[in-house]
């Protein structure tokens, strides 16, 4: 699935994002990839907002997916090719950047 840019004349990037969730809600180990999508956004913050919105509005949820609504401790993995990779985890205070070592 691809979320396309909605505003013209803005500099947007295409982010390759993977949603990672544990088999049971609340677990902190056993993350697995449940959905991968391309998101066009101006920044990581805007891309995270779009993914959160997609996975928290029932009518927008992708069909045929193992993913559930995004909850605390879920992880978004940004694969930016040669630019590297970044992981964000939804924590009680919002999205926090984490290291790869936290994804197990």
PDB file of N, CA and C in Angstrom:
ATOM      1  N   UNK A   1       0.836  -1.170   0.000  1.00  0.00           N
ATOM      2  CA  UNK A   1       0.000   0.000   0.000  1.00  0.00           C
ATOM      3  C   UNK A   1       0.881   1.235   0.000  1.00  0.00           C
ATOM      4  N   UNK A   2       0.441   2.297  -0.653  1.00  0.00           N
ATOM      5  CA  UNK A   2       1.179   3.548  -0.713  1.00  0.00           C
ATOM      6  C   UNK A   2       0.261   4.676  -0.296  1.00  0.00           C
ATOM      7  N   UNK A   3       0.758   5.529   0.587  1.00  0.00           N
ATOM      8  CA  UNK A   3       0.032   6.737   0.935  1.00  0.00           C
ATOM      9  C   UNK A   3       0.675   7.853   0.141  1.00  0.00           C
ATOM     10  N   UNK A   4      -0.072   8.463  -0.765  1.00  0.00           N
ATOM     11  CA  UNK A   4       0.464   9.457  -1.683  1.00  0.00           C
ATOM     12  C   UNK A   4       0.451  10.857  -1.091  1.00  0.00           C
ATOM     13  N   UNK A   5       1.275  11.729  -1.656  1.00  0.00           N
ATOM     14  CA  UNK A   5       1.291  13.107  -1.168  1.00  0.00           C
ATOM     15  C   UNK A   5      -0.034  13.792  -1.474  1.00  0.00           C
ATOM     16  N   UNK A   6      -0.515  14.584  -0.531  1.00  0.00           N
ATOM     17  CA  UNK A   6      -1.798  15.259  -0.730  1.00  0.00           C
ATOM     18  C   UNK A   6      -1.627  16.742  -1.057  1.00  0.00           C
ATOM     19  N   UNK A   7      -0.442  17.298  -0.794  1.00  0.00           N
ATOM     20  CA  UNK A   7      -0.218  18.713  -1.037  1.00  0.00           C
ATOM     21  C   UNK A   7       0.835  18.878  -2.125  1.00  0.00           C
ATOM     22  N   UNK A   8       0.541  19.723  -3.088  1.00  0.00           N
ATOM     23  CA  UNK A   8       1.500  19.973  -4.161  1.00  0.00           C
ATOM     24  C   UNK A   8       2.480  21.059  -3.727  1.00  0.00           C
ATOM     25  N   UNK A   9       3.599  21.125  -4.436  1.00  0.00           N
ATOM     26  CA  UNK A   9       4.646  22.125  -4.191  1.00  0.00           C
ATOM     27  C   UNK A   9       5.322  21.979  -2.843  1.00  0.00           C
ATOM     28  N   UNK A  10       5.243  20.852  -2.226  1.00  0.00           N
ATOM     29  CA  UNK A  10       5.947  20.569  -0.978  1.00  0.00           C
ATOM     30  C   UNK A  10       7.013  19.531  -1.284  1.00  0.00           C
ATOM     31  N   UNK A  11       8.133  19.601  -0.596  1.00  0.00           N
ATOM     32  CA  UNK A  11       9.177  18.602  -0.792  1.00  0.00           C
ATOM     33  C   UNK A  11       8.854  17.402   0.085  1.00  0.00           C
ATOM     34  N   UNK A  12       8.555  16.296  -0.560  1.00  0.00           N
ATOM     35  CA  UNK A  12       8.200  15.084   0.166  1.00  0.00           C
ATOM     36  C   UNK A  12       9.157  13.964  -0.224  1.00  0.00           C
ATOM     37  N   UNK A  13       9.298  13.027   0.680  1.00  0.00           N
ATOM     38  CA  UNK A  13      10.107  11.845   0.444  1.00  0.00           C
ATOM     39  C   UNK A  13       9.200  10.637   0.517  1.00  0.00           C
ATOM     40  N   UNK A  14       9.642   9.579  -0.114  1.00  0.00           N
ATOM     41  CA  UNK A  14       8.930   8.321   0.005  1.00  0.00           C
ATOM     42  C   UNK A  14       9.650   7.492   1.064  1.00  0.00           C
ATOM     43  N   UNK A  15       8.959   7.184   2.145  1.00  0.00           N
ATOM     44  CA  UNK A  15       9.533   6.386   3.231  1.00  0.00           C
ATOM     45  C   UNK A  15       9.000   4.958   3.136  1.00  0.00           C
ATOM     46  N   UNK A  16       9.919   4.001   3.183  1.00  0.00           N
ATOM     47  CA  UNK A  16       9.580   2.579   3.219  1.00  0.00           C
ATOM     48  C   UNK A  16       9.453   2.211   4.697  1.00  0.00           C
ATOM     49  N   UNK A  17       8.227   1.994   5.155  1.00  0.00           N
ATOM     50  CA  UNK A  17       7.964   1.786   6.584  1.00  0.00           C
ATOM     51  C   UNK A  17       7.373   0.398   6.817  1.00  0.00           C
ATOM     52  N   UNK A  18       7.886  -0.255   7.844  1.00  0.00           N
ATOM     53  CA  UNK A  18       7.355  -1.547   8.254  1.00  0.00           C
ATOM     54  C   UNK A  18       6.809  -1.424   9.672  1.00  0.00           C
ATOM     55  N   UNK A  19       5.571  -1.847   9.861  1.00  0.00           N
ATOM     56  CA  UNK A  19       4.958  -1.889  11.188  1.00  0.00           C
ATOM     57  C   UNK A  19       5.326  -3.215  11.826  1.00  0.00           C
ATOM     58  N   UNK A  20       5.864  -3.154  13.033  1.00  0.00           N
ATOM     59  CA  UNK A  20       6.259  -4.356  13.758  1.00  0.00           C
ATOM     60  C   UNK A  20       5.447  -4.446  15.043  1.00  0.00           C
ATOM     61  N   UNK A  21       4.846  -5.607  15.260  1.00  0.00           N
ATOM     62  CA  UNK A  21       4.034  -5.837  16.448  1.00  0.00           C
ATOM     63  C   UNK A  21       4.363  -7.206  17.031  1.00  0.00           C
ATOM     64  N   UNK A  22       4.057  -7.371  18.308  1.00  0.00           N
ATOM     65  CA  UNK A  22       4.230  -8.666  18.962  1.00  0.00           C
ATOM     66  C   UNK A  22       2.954  -9.481  18.762  1.00  0.00           C
ATOM     67  N   UNK A  23       3.044 -10.798  18.910  1.00  0.00           N
ATOM     68  CA  UNK A  23       1.842 -11.626  18.720  1.00  0.00           C
ATOM     69  C   UNK A  23       0.703 -11.262  19.679  1.00  0.00           C
ATOM     70  N   UNK A  24       1.046 -10.872  20.895  1.00  0.00           N
ATOM     71  CA  UNK A  24       0.021 -10.477  21.868  1.00  0.00           C
ATOM     72  C   UNK A  24       0.245  -9.034  22.295  1.00  0.00           C
ATOM     73  N   UNK A  25      -0.832  -8.347  22.542  1.00  0.00           N
ATOM     74  CA  UNK A  25      -0.763  -6.955  22.994  1.00  0.00           C
ATOM     75  C   UNK A  25      -0.025  -6.878  24.312  1.00  0.00           C
ATOM     76  N   UNK A  26       0.897  -5.919  24.431  1.00  0.00           N
ATOM     77  CA  UNK A  26       1.601  -5.681  25.682  1.00  0.00           C
ATOM     78  C   UNK A  26       2.926  -6.411  25.823  1.00  0.00           C
ATOM     79  N   UNK A  27       3.204  -7.374  24.963  1.00  0.00           N
ATOM     80  CA  UNK A  27       4.488  -8.073  25.036  1.00  0.00           C
ATOM     81  C   UNK A  27       5.609  -7.130  24.615  1.00  0.00           C
ATOM     82  N   UNK A  28       6.799  -7.359  25.158  1.00  0.00           N
ATOM     83  CA  UNK A  28       7.935  -6.517  24.803  1.00  0.00           C
ATOM     84  C   UNK A  28       9.020  -7.301  24.080  1.00  0.00           C
ATOM     85  N   UNK A  29       8.725  -8.561  23.738  1.00  0.00           N
ATOM     86  CA  UNK A  29       9.639  -9.398  22.964  1.00  0.00           C
ATOM     87  C   UNK A  29       8.839 -10.127  21.907  1.00  0.00           C
ATOM     88  N   UNK A  30       9.532 -10.551  20.859  1.00  0.00           N
ATOM     89  CA  UNK A  30       8.862 -11.324  19.817  1.00  0.00           C
ATOM     90  C   UNK A  30       8.288 -10.474  18.698  1.00  0.00           C
ATOM     91  N   UNK A  31       8.877  -9.299  18.447  1.00  0.00           N
ATOM     92  CA  UNK A  31       8.379  -8.438  17.367  1.00  0.00           C
ATOM     93  C   UNK A  31       8.527  -9.119  16.018  1.00  0.00           C
ATOM     94  N   UNK A  32       7.528  -8.912  15.167  1.00  0.00           N
ATOM     95  CA  UNK A  32       7.592  -9.413  13.806  1.00  0.00           C
ATOM     96  C   UNK A  32       6.960  -8.384  12.878  1.00  0.00           C
ATOM     97  N   UNK A  33       7.368  -8.407  11.646  1.00  0.00           N
ATOM     98  CA  UNK A  33       6.813  -7.489  10.649  1.00  0.00           C
ATOM     99  C   UNK A  33       5.394  -7.929  10.319  1.00  0.00           C
ATOM    100  N   UNK A  34       4.453  -6.986  10.408  1.00  0.00           N
ATOM    101  CA  UNK A  34       3.064  -7.324  10.108  1.00  0.00           C
ATOM    102  C   UNK A  34       2.511  -6.558   8.914  1.00  0.00           C
ATOM    103  N   UNK A  35       3.152  -5.446   8.550  1.00  0.00           N
ATOM    104  CA  UNK A  35       2.678  -4.698   7.390  1.00  0.00           C
ATOM    105  C   UNK A  35       3.772  -3.752   6.907  1.00  0.00           C
ATOM    106  N   UNK A  36       3.927  -3.673   5.590  1.00  0.00           N
ATOM    107  CA  UNK A  36       4.935  -2.794   4.989  1.00  0.00           C
ATOM    108  C   UNK A  36       4.240  -1.887   3.985  1.00  0.00           C
ATOM    109  N   UNK A  37       4.606  -0.605   3.992  1.00  0.00           N
ATOM    110  CA  UNK A  37       3.992   0.341   3.081  1.00  0.00           C
ATOM    111  C   UNK A  37       4.936   1.484   2.767  1.00  0.00           C
ATOM    112  N   UNK A  38       4.645   2.197   1.691  1.00  0.00           N
ATOM    113  CA  UNK A  38       5.372   3.410   1.322  1.00  0.00           C
ATOM    114  C   UNK A  38       4.516   4.598   1.731  1.00  0.00           C
ATOM    115  N   UNK A  39       5.144   5.560   2.382  1.00  0.00           N
ATOM    116  CA  UNK A  39       4.436   6.766   2.819  1.00  0.00           C
ATOM    117  C   UNK A  39       5.185   7.980   2.292  1.00  0.00           C
ATOM    118  N   UNK A  40       4.481   8.869   1.620  1.00  0.00           N
ATOM    119  CA  UNK A  40       5.070  10.119   1.150  1.00  0.00           C
ATOM    120  C   UNK A  40       4.823  11.175   2.215  1.00  0.00           C
ATOM    121  N   UNK A  41       5.902  11.752   2.723  1.00  0.00           N
ATOM    122  CA  UNK A  41       5.773  12.754   3.789  1.00  0.00           C
ATOM    123  C   UNK A  41       6.989  13.677   3.771  1.00  0.00           C
ATOM    124  N   UNK A  42       6.858  14.805   4.470  1.00  0.00           N
ATOM    125  CA  UNK A  42       7.951  15.769   4.563  1.00  0.00           C
ATOM    126  C   UNK A  42       8.969  15.375   5.627  1.00  0.00           C
ATOM    127  N   UNK A  43       8.560  14.557   6.601  1.00  0.00           N
ATOM    128  CA  UNK A  43       9.447  14.204   7.706  1.00  0.00           C
ATOM    129  C   UNK A  43       9.019  12.871   8.311  1.00  0.00           C
ATOM    130  N   UNK A  44       9.873  12.343   9.182  1.00  0.00           N
ATOM    131  CA  UNK A  44       9.514  11.117   9.903  1.00  0.00           C
ATOM    132  C   UNK A  44       8.270  11.357  10.748  1.00  0.00           C
ATOM    133  N   UNK A  45       8.180  12.509  11.396  1.00  0.00           N
ATOM    134  CA  UNK A  45       7.011  12.806  12.240  1.00  0.00           C
ATOM    135  C   UNK A  45       5.713  12.751  11.438  1.00  0.00           C
ATOM    136  N   UNK A  46       5.722  13.360  10.266  1.00  0.00           N
ATOM    137  CA  UNK A  46       4.520  13.355   9.432  1.00  0.00           C
ATOM    138  C   UNK A  46       4.205  11.932   8.957  1.00  0.00           C
ATOM    139  N   UNK A  47       5.223  11.171   8.605  1.00  0.00           N
ATOM    140  CA  UNK A  47       5.016   9.788   8.160  1.00  0.00           C
ATOM    141  C   UNK A  47       4.437   8.940   9.296  1.00  0.00           C
ATOM    142  N   UNK A  48       4.963   9.116  10.522  1.00  0.00           N
ATOM    143  CA  UNK A  48       4.437   8.355  11.667  1.00  0.00           C
ATOM    144  C   UNK A  48       2.985   8.707  11.924  1.00  0.00           C
ATOM    145  N   UNK A  49       2.639   9.975  11.795  1.00  0.00           N
ATOM    146  CA  UNK A  49       1.253  10.410  11.966  1.00  0.00           C
ATOM    147  C   UNK A  49       0.353   9.699  10.956  1.00  0.00           C
ATOM    148  N   UNK A  50       0.789   9.640   9.685  1.00  0.00           N
ATOM    149  CA  UNK A  50      -0.025   9.008   8.646  1.00  0.00           C
ATOM    150  C   UNK A  50      -0.212   7.513   8.907  1.00  0.00           C
ATOM    151  N   UNK A  51       0.852   6.828   9.332  1.00  0.00           N
ATOM    152  CA  UNK A  51       0.735   5.397   9.615  1.00  0.00           C
ATOM    153  C   UNK A  51      -0.174   5.171  10.826  1.00  0.00           C
ATOM    154  N   UNK A  52      -0.005   5.989  11.862  1.00  0.00           N
ATOM    155  CA  UNK A  52      -0.847   5.873  13.051  1.00  0.00           C
ATOM    156  C   UNK A  52      -2.318   6.064  12.673  1.00  0.00           C
ATOM    157  N   UNK A  53      -2.589   7.064  11.848  1.00  0.00           N
ATOM    158  CA  UNK A  53      -3.962   7.339  11.415  1.00  0.00           C
ATOM    159  C   UNK A  53      -4.519   6.159  10.614  1.00  0.00           C
ATOM    160  N   UNK A  54      -3.704   5.610   9.729  1.00  0.00           N
ATOM    161  CA  UNK A  54      -4.134   4.486   8.910  1.00  0.00           C
ATOM    162  C   UNK A  54      -4.511   3.280   9.761  1.00  0.00           C
ATOM    163  N   UNK A  55      -3.739   3.030  10.828  1.00  0.00           N
ATOM    164  CA  UNK A  55      -3.974   1.847  11.649  1.00  0.00           C
ATOM    165  C   UNK A  55      -4.797   2.127  12.906  1.00  0.00           C
ATOM    166  N   UNK A  56      -5.484   3.263  12.954  1.00  0.00           N
ATOM    167  CA  UNK A  56      -6.354   3.544  14.083  1.00  0.00           C
ATOM    168  C   UNK A  56      -7.717   4.073  13.681  1.00  0.00           C
ATOM    169  N   UNK A  57      -8.026   3.996  12.408  1.00  0.00           N
ATOM    170  CA  UNK A  57      -9.353   4.322  11.910  1.00  0.00           C
ATOM    171  C   UNK A  57      -9.840   3.063  11.197  1.00  0.00           C
ATOM    172  N   UNK A  58     -10.854   2.445  11.751  1.00  0.00           N
ATOM    173  CA  UNK A  58     -11.318   1.137  11.257  1.00  0.00           C
ATOM    174  C   UNK A  58     -11.542   1.124   9.750  1.00  0.00           C
ATOM    175  N   UNK A  59     -12.139   2.169   9.219  1.00  0.00           N
ATOM    176  CA  UNK A  59     -12.451   2.218   7.793  1.00  0.00           C
ATOM    177  C   UNK A  59     -11.194   2.326   6.927  1.00  0.00           C
ATOM    178  N   UNK A  60     -10.084   2.770   7.490  1.00  0.00           N
ATOM    179  CA  UNK A  60      -8.847   2.945   6.728  1.00  0.00           C
ATOM    180  C   UNK A  60      -7.910   1.741   6.834  1.00  0.00           C
ATOM    181  N   UNK A  61      -8.160   0.865   7.793  1.00  0.00           N
ATOM    182  CA  UNK A  61      -7.285  -0.289   8.001  1.00  0.00           C
ATOM    183  C   UNK A  61      -7.181  -1.109   6.721  1.00  0.00           C
ATOM    184  N   UNK A  62      -5.968  -1.482   6.342  1.00  0.00           N
ATOM    185  CA  UNK A  62      -5.811  -2.323   5.148  1.00  0.00           C
ATOM    186  C   UNK A  62      -6.487  -3.686   5.347  1.00  0.00           C
ATOM    187  N   UNK A  63      -7.063  -4.172   4.295  1.00  0.00           N
ATOM    188  CA  UNK A  63      -7.677  -5.499   4.334  1.00  0.00           C
ATOM    189  C   UNK A  63      -6.565  -6.542   4.197  1.00  0.00           C
ATOM    190  N   UNK A  64      -6.838  -7.766   4.576  1.00  0.00           N
ATOM    191  CA  UNK A  64      -5.900  -8.863   4.408  1.00  0.00           C
ATOM    192  C   UNK A  64      -4.551  -8.596   5.083  1.00  0.00           C
ATOM    193  N   UNK A  65      -4.575  -8.226   6.350  1.00  0.00           N
ATOM    194  CA  UNK A  65      -3.338  -7.979   7.076  1.00  0.00           C
ATOM    195  C   UNK A  65      -3.396  -8.620   8.457  1.00  0.00           C
ATOM    196  N   UNK A  66      -2.243  -8.967   8.977  1.00  0.00           N
ATOM    197  CA  UNK A  66      -2.153  -9.493  10.338  1.00  0.00           C
ATOM    198  C   UNK A  66      -2.108  -8.361  11.357  1.00  0.00           C
ATOM    199  N   UNK A  67      -1.904  -7.149  10.890  1.00  0.00           N
ATOM    200  CA  UNK A  67      -1.749  -6.004  11.785  1.00  0.00           C
ATOM    201  C   UNK A  67      -3.057  -5.688  12.508  1.00  0.00           C
ATOM    202  N   UNK A  68      -2.898  -5.135  13.694  1.00  0.00           N
ATOM    203  CA  UNK A  68      -4.055  -4.671  14.485  1.00  0.00           C
ATOM    204  C   UNK A  68      -3.882  -3.164  14.682  1.00  0.00           C
ATOM    205  N   UNK A  69      -4.805  -2.555  15.408  1.00  0.00           N
ATOM    206  CA  UNK A  69      -4.651  -1.141  15.720  1.00  0.00           C
ATOM    207  C   UNK A  69      -3.303  -0.924  16.394  1.00  0.00           C
ATOM    208  N   UNK A  70      -2.649   0.196  16.100  1.00  0.00           N
ATOM    209  CA  UNK A  70      -1.356   0.498  16.723  1.00  0.00           C
ATOM    210  C   UNK A  70      -1.582   0.831  18.185  1.00  0.00           C
ATOM    211  N   UNK A  71      -0.744   0.242  19.038  1.00  0.00           N
ATOM    212  CA  UNK A  71      -0.819   0.453  20.486  1.00  0.00           C
ATOM    213  C   UNK A  71       0.571   0.737  21.033  1.00  0.00           C
ATOM    214  N   UNK A  72       0.606   1.097  22.307  1.00  0.00           N
ATOM    215  CA  UNK A  72       1.860   1.335  22.991  1.00  0.00           C
ATOM    216  C   UNK A  72       2.765   0.124  22.840  1.00  0.00           C
ATOM    217  N   UNK A  73       4.040   0.371  22.587  1.00  0.00           N
ATOM    218  CA  UNK A  73       5.150  -0.583  22.410  1.00  0.00           C
ATOM    219  C   UNK A  73       5.289  -1.085  20.984  1.00  0.00           C
ATOM    220  N   UNK A  74       4.358  -0.768  20.077  1.00  0.00           N
ATOM    221  CA  UNK A  74       4.525  -1.154  18.682  1.00  0.00           C
ATOM    222  C   UNK A  74       5.664  -0.329  18.071  1.00  0.00           C
ATOM    223  N   UNK A  75       6.259  -0.846  17.007  1.00  0.00           N
ATOM    224  CA  UNK A  75       7.457  -0.236  16.411  1.00  0.00           C
ATOM    225  C   UNK A  75       7.231   0.049  14.935  1.00  0.00           C
ATOM    226  N   UNK A  76       7.738   1.211  14.492  1.00  0.00           N
ATOM    227  CA  UNK A  76       7.790   1.544  13.069  1.00  0.00           C
ATOM    228  C   UNK A  76       9.253   1.537  12.657  1.00  0.00           C
ATOM    229  N   UNK A  77       9.549   0.800  11.591  1.00  0.00           N
ATOM    230  CA  UNK A  77      10.905   0.675  11.064  1.00  0.00           C
ATOM    231  C   UNK A  77      10.970   1.418   9.740  1.00  0.00           C
ATOM    232  N   UNK A  78      11.817   2.447   9.670  1.00  0.00           N
ATOM    233  CA  UNK A  78      12.022   3.231   8.457  1.00  0.00           C
ATOM    234  C   UNK A  78      13.281   2.706   7.768  1.00  0.00           C
ATOM    235  N   UNK A  79      13.134   2.168   6.570  1.00  0.00           N
ATOM    236  CA  UNK A  79      14.279   1.706   5.790  1.00  0.00           C
ATOM    237  C   UNK A  79      14.553   2.765   4.739  1.00  0.00           C
ATOM    238  N   UNK A  80      15.676   3.464   4.898  1.00  0.00           N
ATOM    239  CA  UNK A  80      16.008   4.547   3.974  1.00  0.00           C
ATOM    240  C   UNK A  80      17.203   4.188   3.090  1.00  0.00           C
ATOM    241  N   UNK A  81      17.357   2.919   2.818  1.00  0.00           N
ATOM    242  CA  UNK A  81      18.406   2.467   1.913  1.00  0.00           C
ATOM    243  C   UNK A  81      19.794   2.868   2.388  1.00  0.00           C
ATOM    244  N   UNK A  82      20.527   3.557   1.543  1.00  0.00           N
ATOM    245  CA  UNK A  82      21.891   3.970   1.877  1.00  0.00           C
ATOM    246  C   UNK A  82      21.934   4.994   3.015  1.00  0.00           C
ATOM    247  N   UNK A  83      20.816   5.646   3.265  1.00  0.00           N
ATOM    248  CA  UNK A  83      20.751   6.634   4.348  1.00  0.00           C
ATOM    249  C   UNK A  83      20.640   5.971   5.721  1.00  0.00           C
ATOM    250  N   UNK A  84      20.377   4.672   5.740  1.00  0.00           N
ATOM    251  CA  UNK A  84      20.294   3.949   7.005  1.00  0.00           C
ATOM    252  C   UNK A  84      18.887   3.523   7.357  1.00  0.00           C
ATOM    253  N   UNK A  85      18.744   3.121   8.605  1.00  0.00           N
ATOM    254  CA  UNK A  85      17.440   2.689   9.090  1.00  0.00           C
ATOM    255  C   UNK A  85      17.188   3.306  10.460  1.00  0.00           C
ATOM    256  N   UNK A  86      15.938   3.552  10.733  1.00  0.00           N
ATOM    257  CA  UNK A  86      15.546   4.179  11.985  1.00  0.00           C
ATOM    258  C   UNK A  86      14.351   3.433  12.547  1.00  0.00           C
ATOM    259  N   UNK A  87      14.350   3.265  13.859  1.00  0.00           N
ATOM    260  CA  UNK A  87      13.248   2.593  14.554  1.00  0.00           C
ATOM    261  C   UNK A  87      12.600   3.576  15.527  1.00  0.00           C
ATOM    262  N   UNK A  88      11.270   3.575  15.545  1.00  0.00           N
ATOM    263  CA  UNK A  88      10.514   4.379  16.504  1.00  0.00           C
ATOM    264  C   UNK A  88       9.553   3.448  17.228  1.00  0.00           C
ATOM    265  N   UNK A  89       9.451   3.634  18.530  1.00  0.00           N
ATOM    266  CA  UNK A  89       8.532   2.829  19.329  1.00  0.00           C
ATOM    267  C   UNK A  89       7.502   3.760  19.947  1.00  0.00           C
ATOM    268  N   UNK A  90       6.235   3.343  19.907  1.00  0.00           N
ATOM    269  CA  UNK A  90       5.183   4.137  20.538  1.00  0.00           C
ATOM    270  C   UNK A  90       5.219   3.859  22.034  1.00  0.00           C
ATOM    271  N   UNK A  91       5.583   4.866  22.784  1.00  0.00           N
ATOM    272  CA  UNK A  91       5.660   4.762  24.241  1.00  0.00           C
ATOM    273  C   UNK A  91       4.597   5.665  24.844  1.00  0.00           C
ATOM    274  N   UNK A  92       4.354   5.569  26.152  1.00  0.00           N
ATOM    275  CA  UNK A  92       3.291   6.384  26.762  1.00  0.00           C
ATOM    276  C   UNK A  92       3.390   7.885  26.458  1.00  0.00           C
ATOM    277  N   UNK A  93       4.582   8.408  26.231  1.00  0.00           N
ATOM    278  CA  UNK A  93       4.746   9.833  25.928  1.00  0.00           C
ATOM    279  C   UNK A  93       4.772  10.156  24.454  1.00  0.00           C
ATOM    280  N   UNK A  94       4.557   9.179  23.588  1.00  0.00           N
ATOM    281  CA  UNK A  94       4.588   9.395  22.145  1.00  0.00           C
ATOM    282  C   UNK A  94       5.655   8.547  21.483  1.00  0.00           C
ATOM    283  N   UNK A  95       5.924   8.825  20.207  1.00  0.00           N
ATOM    284  CA  UNK A  95       6.916   8.065  19.454  1.00  0.00           C
ATOM    285  C   UNK A  95       8.316   8.437  19.925  1.00  0.00           C
ATOM    286  N   UNK A  96       9.120   7.428  20.250  1.00  0.00           N
ATOM    287  CA  UNK A  96      10.505   7.633  20.684  1.00  0.00           C
ATOM    288  C   UNK A  96      11.430   6.847  19.759  1.00  0.00           C
ATOM    289  N   UNK A  97      12.515   7.492  19.358  1.00  0.00           N
ATOM    290  CA  UNK A  97      13.521   6.829  18.533  1.00  0.00           C
ATOM    291  C   UNK A  97      14.252   5.800  19.399  1.00  0.00           C
ATOM    292  N   UNK A  98      14.419   4.582  18.878  1.00  0.00           N
ATOM    293  CA  UNK A  98      15.091   3.524  19.639  1.00  0.00           C
ATOM    294  C   UNK A  98      16.175   2.897  18.764  1.00  0.00           C
ATOM    295  N   UNK A  99      17.055   2.153  19.398  1.00  0.00           N
ATOM    296  CA  UNK A  99      18.086   1.430  18.672  1.00  0.00           C
ATOM    297  C   UNK A  99      17.614   0.061  18.242  1.00  0.00           C
ATOM    298  N   UNK A 100      18.291  -0.523  17.297  1.00  0.00           N
ATOM    299  CA  UNK A 100      17.940  -1.848  16.774  1.00  0.00           C
ATOM    300  C   UNK A 100      17.941  -2.900  17.874  1.00  0.00           C
ATOM    301  N   UNK A 101      18.785  -2.731  18.868  1.00  0.00           N
ATOM    302  CA  UNK A 101      18.915  -3.711  19.942  1.00  0.00           C
ATOM    303  C   UNK A 101      17.596  -3.909  20.724  1.00  0.00           C
ATOM    304  N   UNK A 102      16.720  -2.916  20.691  1.00  0.00           N
ATOM    305  CA  UNK A 102      15.439  -3.013  21.410  1.00  0.00           C
ATOM    306  C   UNK A 102      14.407  -3.860  20.658  1.00  0.00           C
ATOM    307  N   UNK A 103      14.689  -4.139  19.387  1.00  0.00           N
ATOM    308  CA  UNK A 103      13.764  -4.926  18.572  1.00  0.00           C
ATOM    309  C   UNK A 103      14.195  -6.382  18.657  1.00  0.00           C
ATOM    310  N   UNK A 104      13.472  -7.155  19.409  1.00  0.00           N
ATOM    311  CA  UNK A 104      13.804  -8.575  19.539  1.00  0.00           C
ATOM    312  C   UNK A 104      12.555  -9.418  19.507  1.00  0.00           C
TER     313      UNK A 104
END
